[in-house]
Amino acid sequence: MYQPLRCARARSRALQTHLGEAAIGTGIHYPIPLQSQKAYQHLGYKKGDFPVTELVATEIVSLPMFPQLTQNQQKEVVSRVMGIRCVEGRRFLLDL
């Protein structure tokens, strides 16, 4: 199970790389927006009909969250997320 976290697209890739280097698994919550999935093709939506949804779909990173995640593992994930820095040396900005 994963918890979604939204951050800008370039930052989401950097976050995934940063966490992956620490062997913390991540994913993209909805890599294909719902209206673009096969199950909804019959509705006739096309790319661009939901621009905000299409943008946000590229920005939501899924972080690990499940009952067996120990408190130390939780702290490690939080520490890694809060510790990432941008190229400019500023703190990684998240939309929490």
C-alpha atoms as a PDB file:
ATOM      1  CA  MET A   1       0.000   0.000   0.000  1.00  0.00           C
ATOM      2  CA  TYR A   2       1.238   3.493  -0.786  1.00  0.00           C
ATOM      3  CA  GLN A   3       0.367   7.025   0.294  1.00  0.00           C
ATOM      4  CA  PRO A   4       0.176   9.639  -2.485  1.00  0.00           C
ATOM      5  CA  LEU A   5       2.321  12.764  -2.203  1.00  0.00           C
ATOM      6  CA  ARG A   6       2.068  15.556  -4.780  1.00  0.00           C
ATOM      7  CA  CYS A   7       5.103  17.507  -5.954  1.00  0.00           C
ATOM      8  CA  ALA A   8       6.105  19.202  -9.200  1.00  0.00           C
ATOM      9  CA  ARG A   9       6.884  16.805 -12.058  1.00  0.00           C
ATOM     10  CA  ALA A  10      10.656  17.389 -12.148  1.00  0.00           C
ATOM     11  CA  ARG A  11      10.754  17.162  -8.383  1.00  0.00           C
ATOM     12  CA  SER A  12       8.716  13.968  -8.344  1.00  0.00           C
ATOM     13  CA  ARG A  13      11.340  12.267 -10.527  1.00  0.00           C
ATOM     14  CA  ALA A  14      14.129  13.612  -8.306  1.00  0.00           C
ATOM     15  CA  LEU A  15      12.272  12.393  -5.226  1.00  0.00           C
ATOM     16  CA  GLN A  16      11.811   8.925  -6.706  1.00  0.00           C
ATOM     17  CA  THR A  17      15.508   8.749  -7.593  1.00  0.00           C
ATOM     18  CA  HIS A  18      16.544   9.978  -4.154  1.00  0.00           C
ATOM     19  CA  LEU A  19      14.356   7.457  -2.354  1.00  0.00           C
ATOM     20  CA  GLY A  20      15.330   4.660  -4.735  1.00  0.00           C
ATOM     21  CA  GLU A  21      18.994   5.217  -3.861  1.00  0.00           C
ATOM     22  CA  ALA A  22      18.001   4.413  -0.262  1.00  0.00           C
ATOM     23  CA  ALA A  23      16.079   1.298  -1.412  1.00  0.00           C
ATOM     24  CA  ILE A  24      12.732   2.961  -0.622  1.00  0.00           C
ATOM     25  CA  GLY A  25      10.156   1.931  -3.198  1.00  0.00           C
ATOM     26  CA  THR A  26       7.915   4.528  -4.824  1.00  0.00           C
ATOM     27  CA  GLY A  27       5.520   4.681  -7.729  1.00  0.00           C
ATOM     28  CA  ILE A  28       3.376   7.071  -9.709  1.00  0.00           C
ATOM     29  CA  HIS A  29      -0.107   6.900  -8.169  1.00  0.00           C
ATOM     30  CA  TYR A  30      -2.064   7.170 -11.444  1.00  0.00           C
ATOM     31  CA  PRO A  31       0.471   7.029 -14.295  1.00  0.00           C
ATOM     32  CA  ILE A  32      -2.452   7.120 -16.733  1.00  0.00           C
ATOM     33  CA  PRO A  33      -5.217   9.563 -15.771  1.00  0.00           C
ATOM     34  CA  LEU A  34      -8.537   7.826 -15.166  1.00  0.00           C
ATOM     35  CA  GLN A  35     -10.279   9.374 -18.171  1.00  0.00           C
ATOM     36  CA  SER A  36      -7.482   8.022 -20.419  1.00  0.00           C
ATOM     37  CA  GLN A  37      -7.704   4.437 -19.172  1.00  0.00           C
ATOM     38  CA  LYS A  38      -9.276   1.689 -21.276  1.00  0.00           C
ATOM     39  CA  ALA A  39     -12.198   1.266 -18.882  1.00  0.00           C
ATOM     40  CA  TYR A  40     -13.365   4.801 -19.683  1.00  0.00           C
ATOM     41  CA  GLN A  41     -12.680   4.941 -23.446  1.00  0.00           C
ATOM     42  CA  HIS A  42     -16.398   4.598 -24.151  1.00  0.00           C
ATOM     43  CA  LEU A  43     -16.910   8.095 -22.662  1.00  0.00           C
ATOM     44  CA  GLY A  44     -15.047   9.615 -25.609  1.00  0.00           C
ATOM     45  CA  TYR A  45     -12.613  11.824 -23.703  1.00  0.00           C
ATOM     46  CA  LYS A  46      -9.395  12.808 -25.465  1.00  0.00           C
ATOM     47  CA  LYS A  47      -6.053  14.150 -24.351  1.00  0.00           C
ATOM     48  CA  GLY A  48      -6.482  17.740 -23.221  1.00  0.00           C
ATOM     49  CA  ASP A  49     -10.067  17.407 -22.000  1.00  0.00           C
ATOM     50  CA  PHE A  50      -8.848  17.363 -18.389  1.00  0.00           C
ATOM     51  CA  PRO A  51      -5.555  19.310 -18.370  1.00  0.00           C
ATOM     52  CA  VAL A  52      -5.321  19.618 -14.593  1.00  0.00           C
ATOM     53  CA  THR A  53      -5.872  15.891 -14.106  1.00  0.00           C
ATOM     54  CA  GLU A  54      -3.278  15.127 -16.776  1.00  0.00           C
ATOM     55  CA  LEU A  55      -0.746  17.395 -15.049  1.00  0.00           C
ATOM     56  CA  VAL A  56      -1.398  16.107 -11.556  1.00  0.00           C
ATOM     57  CA  ALA A  57      -1.126  12.497 -12.765  1.00  0.00           C
ATOM     58  CA  THR A  58       2.566  13.175 -13.508  1.00  0.00           C
ATOM     59  CA  GLU A  59       3.176  14.775 -10.103  1.00  0.00           C
ATOM     60  CA  ILE A  60       1.764  12.320  -7.568  1.00  0.00           C
ATOM     61  CA  VAL A  61       4.415  10.041  -6.099  1.00  0.00           C
ATOM     62  CA  SER A  62       3.273   7.104  -4.008  1.00  0.00           C
ATOM     63  CA  LEU A  63       5.226   6.536  -0.809  1.00  0.00           C
ATOM     64  CA  PRO A  64       5.275   3.243   1.101  1.00  0.00           C
ATOM     65  CA  MET A  65       2.593   2.936   3.778  1.00  0.00           C
ATOM     66  CA  PHE A  66       1.401  -0.374   5.121  1.00  0.00           C
ATOM     67  CA  PRO A  67       0.767  -1.957   8.543  1.00  0.00           C
ATOM     68  CA  GLN A  68       4.090  -3.817   8.623  1.00  0.00           C
ATOM     69  CA  LEU A  69       6.128  -0.630   8.068  1.00  0.00           C
ATOM     70  CA  THR A  70       8.077  -0.229  11.299  1.00  0.00           C
ATOM     71  CA  GLN A  71       8.391   3.078  13.104  1.00  0.00           C
ATOM     72  CA  ASN A  72      12.086   3.196  12.155  1.00  0.00           C
ATOM     73  CA  GLN A  73      11.203   2.648   8.499  1.00  0.00           C
ATOM     74  CA  GLN A  74       8.587   5.398   8.693  1.00  0.00           C
ATOM     75  CA  LYS A  75      11.165   7.756  10.176  1.00  0.00           C
ATOM     76  CA  GLU A  76      13.610   6.847   7.408  1.00  0.00           C
ATOM     77  CA  VAL A  77      11.069   7.636   4.678  1.00  0.00           C
ATOM     78  CA  VAL A  78      10.173  10.966   6.309  1.00  0.00           C
ATOM     79  CA  SER A  79      13.830  11.815   6.850  1.00  0.00           C
ATOM     80  CA  ARG A  80      14.678  11.067   3.220  1.00  0.00           C
ATOM     81  CA  VAL A  81      11.711  13.047   1.887  1.00  0.00           C
ATOM     82  CA  MET A  82      12.453  16.039   4.104  1.00  0.00           C
ATOM     83  CA  GLY A  83      16.201  15.815   3.465  1.00  0.00           C
ATOM     84  CA  ILE A  84      16.195  16.015  -0.321  1.00  0.00           C
ATOM     85  CA  ARG A  85      17.566  19.243  -1.705  1.00  0.00           C
ATOM     86  CA  CYS A  86      17.150  20.922  -5.054  1.00  0.00           C
ATOM     87  CA  VAL A  87      20.103  21.669  -7.313  1.00  0.00           C
ATOM     88  CA  GLU A  88      20.098  25.235  -6.004  1.00  0.00           C
ATOM     89  CA  GLY A  89      20.670  23.906  -2.491  1.00  0.00           C
ATOM     90  CA  ARG A  90      17.234  24.893  -1.206  1.00  0.00           C
ATOM     91  CA  ARG A  91      14.940  22.523   0.593  1.00  0.00           C
ATOM     92  CA  PHE A  92      12.813  20.305  -1.591  1.00  0.00           C
ATOM     93  CA  LEU A  93       9.398  21.964  -1.763  1.00  0.00           C
ATOM     94  CA  LEU A  94       6.340  19.776  -1.474  1.00  0.00           C
ATOM     95  CA  ASP A  95       2.656  20.547  -1.764  1.00  0.00           C
ATOM     96  CA  LEU A  96       1.535  18.998   1.508  1.00  0.00           C
END
